Amino acid sequence: MSPISQTTSSDLPSNPTDDEPPASCKHLGVPRSASYETVLRACLAKYGIEKDPDNYVLFIIYGDKEHQATADERPLVTFEDLESKGYRPSFMLRQHNERKLSTDKHMDG
């Protein structure tokens, strides 16, 4: 699994707006306030996956932990929060059948 980003929190703008994604996620082409579904679809498109998005789950990997993004959160906001805490997060896609899905929402180190 290779990370999508190598950007550190010091590379982020000091006052991001609601629509400005974290610097490390600008290549996804979605605003910072994008919904889970929008970010999931952008990640699928980035990697040329044309299958049904309902078959995939978006995870944010940071340190030795992983966070399963949920439909009611804003994944880029979560991503940026982790960067500001010194983590180097990356997105990862999993198909529903790859393994039992995690419900861990613990996000601080």
C-alpha atoms as a PDB file:
ATOM      1  CA  MET A   1       0.000   0.000   0.000  1.00  0.00           C
ATOM      2  CA  SER A   2       1.645   3.222  -1.064  1.00  0.00           C
ATOM      3  CA  PRO A   3       0.486   6.540   0.333  1.00  0.00           C
ATOM      4  CA  ILE A   4      -1.250   9.057  -1.883  1.00  0.00           C
ATOM      5  CA  SER A   5       0.514  11.931  -0.176  1.00  0.00           C
ATOM      6  CA  GLN A   6       3.890  12.848   1.244  1.00  0.00           C
ATOM      7  CA  THR A   7       2.888  16.347   2.415  1.00  0.00           C
ATOM      8  CA  THR A   8       3.430  17.423   6.010  1.00  0.00           C
ATOM      9  CA  SER A   9       1.291  19.803   8.019  1.00  0.00           C
ATOM     10  CA  SER A  10       3.896  22.572   7.549  1.00  0.00           C
ATOM     11  CA  ASP A  11       3.071  22.537   3.814  1.00  0.00           C
ATOM     12  CA  LEU A  12      -0.581  23.406   4.477  1.00  0.00           C
ATOM     13  CA  PRO A  13      -1.909  26.944   4.094  1.00  0.00           C
ATOM     14  CA  SER A  14      -2.277  28.707   7.430  1.00  0.00           C
ATOM     15  CA  ASN A  15      -5.942  29.659   6.922  1.00  0.00           C
ATOM     16  CA  PRO A  16      -7.664  27.208   4.563  1.00  0.00           C
ATOM     17  CA  THR A  17     -11.168  28.078   3.433  1.00  0.00           C
ATOM     18  CA  ASP A  18     -14.073  25.668   3.577  1.00  0.00           C
ATOM     19  CA  ASP A  19     -13.638  24.855  -0.104  1.00  0.00           C
ATOM     20  CA  GLU A  20      -9.845  24.581  -0.221  1.00  0.00           C
ATOM     21  CA  PRO A  21      -8.741  20.955   0.167  1.00  0.00           C
ATOM     22  CA  PRO A  22      -5.619  20.058   2.133  1.00  0.00           C
ATOM     23  CA  ALA A  23      -2.566  20.705  -0.074  1.00  0.00           C
ATOM     24  CA  SER A  24      -1.873  16.987  -0.203  1.00  0.00           C
ATOM     25  CA  CYS A  25      -5.353  16.261  -1.601  1.00  0.00           C
ATOM     26  CA  LYS A  26      -5.646  18.910  -4.304  1.00  0.00           C
ATOM     27  CA  HIS A  27      -4.987  16.245  -6.945  1.00  0.00           C
ATOM     28  CA  LEU A  28      -8.385  14.695  -6.131  1.00  0.00           C
ATOM     29  CA  GLY A  29     -10.118  17.762  -7.545  1.00  0.00           C
ATOM     30  CA  VAL A  30     -12.771  18.054  -4.836  1.00  0.00           C
ATOM     31  CA  PRO A  31     -13.330  20.818  -2.265  1.00  0.00           C
ATOM     32  CA  ARG A  32     -12.386  20.424   1.391  1.00  0.00           C
ATOM     33  CA  SER A  33     -16.073  20.247   2.323  1.00  0.00           C
ATOM     34  CA  ALA A  34     -16.757  17.371  -0.100  1.00  0.00           C
ATOM     35  CA  SER A  35     -18.991  14.583   1.142  1.00  0.00           C
ATOM     36  CA  TYR A  36     -17.850  11.022   1.744  1.00  0.00           C
ATOM     37  CA  GLU A  37     -19.456   9.887  -1.506  1.00  0.00           C
ATOM     38  CA  THR A  38     -17.747  12.633  -3.528  1.00  0.00           C
ATOM     39  CA  VAL A  39     -14.303  11.803  -2.105  1.00  0.00           C
ATOM     40  CA  LEU A  40     -14.899   8.060  -2.584  1.00  0.00           C
ATOM     41  CA  ARG A  41     -15.848   8.598  -6.235  1.00  0.00           C
ATOM     42  CA  ALA A  42     -12.818  10.883  -6.772  1.00  0.00           C
ATOM     43  CA  CYS A  43     -10.477   8.220  -5.342  1.00  0.00           C
ATOM     44  CA  LEU A  44     -12.046   5.531  -7.523  1.00  0.00           C
ATOM     45  CA  ALA A  45     -11.660   7.746 -10.606  1.00  0.00           C
ATOM     46  CA  LYS A  46      -8.048   8.596  -9.745  1.00  0.00           C
ATOM     47  CA  TYR A  47      -7.142   4.916  -9.824  1.00  0.00           C
ATOM     48  CA  GLY A  48      -9.289   4.082 -12.847  1.00  0.00           C
ATOM     49  CA  ILE A  49     -11.754   1.914 -10.924  1.00  0.00           C
ATOM     50  CA  GLU A  50     -15.052   1.937 -12.790  1.00  0.00           C
ATOM     51  CA  LYS A  51     -16.979  -0.447 -10.559  1.00  0.00           C
ATOM     52  CA  ASP A  52     -19.954   0.424  -8.363  1.00  0.00           C
ATOM     53  CA  PRO A  53     -18.829   2.796  -5.552  1.00  0.00           C
ATOM     54  CA  ASP A  54     -21.237   1.004  -3.202  1.00  0.00           C
ATOM     55  CA  ASN A  55     -18.811  -1.939  -3.279  1.00  0.00           C
ATOM     56  CA  TYR A  56     -15.983   0.147  -1.790  1.00  0.00           C
ATOM     57  CA  VAL A  57     -15.150   1.704   1.546  1.00  0.00           C
ATOM     58  CA  LEU A  58     -12.793   4.630   2.083  1.00  0.00           C
ATOM     59  CA  PHE A  59     -10.184   4.355   4.825  1.00  0.00           C
ATOM     60  CA  ILE A  60      -7.723   6.941   6.087  1.00  0.00           C
ATOM     61  CA  ILE A  61      -4.436   5.351   7.089  1.00  0.00           C
ATOM     62  CA  TYR A  62      -2.236   7.250   9.553  1.00  0.00           C
ATOM     63  CA  GLY A  63       0.719   5.958  11.540  1.00  0.00           C
ATOM     64  CA  ASP A  64      -0.051   2.354  12.388  1.00  0.00           C
ATOM     65  CA  LYS A  65      -3.795   3.030  12.564  1.00  0.00           C
ATOM     66  CA  GLU A  66      -6.657   3.164  10.146  1.00  0.00           C
ATOM     67  CA  HIS A  67      -9.958   4.994  10.258  1.00  0.00           C
ATOM     68  CA  GLN A  68     -12.972   3.866   8.272  1.00  0.00           C
ATOM     69  CA  ALA A  69     -14.587   7.006   6.915  1.00  0.00           C
ATOM     70  CA  THR A  70     -18.343   7.134   7.355  1.00  0.00           C
ATOM     71  CA  ALA A  71     -21.071   8.444   5.081  1.00  0.00           C
ATOM     72  CA  ASP A  72     -21.803  11.367   7.409  1.00  0.00           C
ATOM     73  CA  GLU A  73     -18.271  12.764   7.650  1.00  0.00           C
ATOM     74  CA  ARG A  74     -16.153  15.036   5.467  1.00  0.00           C
ATOM     75  CA  PRO A  75     -13.051  12.891   4.762  1.00  0.00           C
ATOM     76  CA  LEU A  76     -10.834  15.794   3.660  1.00  0.00           C
ATOM     77  CA  VAL A  77     -11.555  17.612   6.922  1.00  0.00           C
ATOM     78  CA  THR A  78     -10.599  14.460   8.838  1.00  0.00           C
ATOM     79  CA  PHE A  79      -7.491  14.075   6.638  1.00  0.00           C
ATOM     80  CA  GLU A  80      -6.465  17.678   7.319  1.00  0.00           C
ATOM     81  CA  ASP A  81      -7.059  17.269  11.058  1.00  0.00           C
ATOM     82  CA  LEU A  82      -4.717  14.288  11.100  1.00  0.00           C
ATOM     83  CA  GLU A  83      -2.082  16.246   9.161  1.00  0.00           C
ATOM     84  CA  SER A  84      -2.318  19.096  11.673  1.00  0.00           C
ATOM     85  CA  LYS A  85      -1.624  16.562  14.452  1.00  0.00           C
ATOM     86  CA  GLY A  86       1.617  15.551  12.735  1.00  0.00           C
ATOM     87  CA  TYR A  87       0.415  12.405  10.988  1.00  0.00           C
ATOM     88  CA  ARG A  88       1.022  11.658   7.321  1.00  0.00           C
ATOM     89  CA  PRO A  89      -2.379  10.241   6.355  1.00  0.00           C
ATOM     90  CA  SER A  90      -3.253   8.555   3.091  1.00  0.00           C
ATOM     91  CA  PHE A  91      -6.484   7.265   1.608  1.00  0.00           C
ATOM     92  CA  MET A  92      -7.009   3.601   0.920  1.00  0.00           C
ATOM     93  CA  LEU A  93      -9.920   1.901  -0.820  1.00  0.00           C
ATOM     94  CA  ARG A  94     -11.187  -1.524   0.173  1.00  0.00           C
ATOM     95  CA  GLN A  95     -13.848  -3.649  -1.359  1.00  0.00           C
ATOM     96  CA  HIS A  96     -16.516  -4.682   1.142  1.00  0.00           C
ATOM     97  CA  ASN A  97     -15.438  -8.309   0.950  1.00  0.00           C
ATOM     98  CA  GLU A  98     -11.678  -7.721   1.507  1.00  0.00           C
ATOM     99  CA  ARG A  99     -12.054  -8.082   5.266  1.00  0.00           C
ATOM    100  CA  LYS A 100     -14.420  -7.317   8.074  1.00  0.00           C
ATOM    101  CA  LEU A 101     -14.951  -3.566   8.130  1.00  0.00           C
ATOM    102  CA  SER A 102     -13.649  -1.631  11.094  1.00  0.00           C
ATOM    103  CA  THR A 103     -15.967   0.574  13.114  1.00  0.00           C
ATOM    104  CA  ASP A 104     -13.101   2.202  15.038  1.00  0.00           C
ATOM    105  CA  LYS A 105     -13.541   5.964  15.046  1.00  0.00           C
ATOM    106  CA  HIS A 106     -10.525   6.685  17.282  1.00  0.00           C
ATOM    107  CA  MET A 107      -8.619   9.419  15.499  1.00  0.00           C
ATOM    108  CA  ASP A 108      -6.112  10.845  17.980  1.00  0.00           C
ATOM    109  CA  GLY A 109      -2.674   9.424  18.527  1.00  0.00           C
END
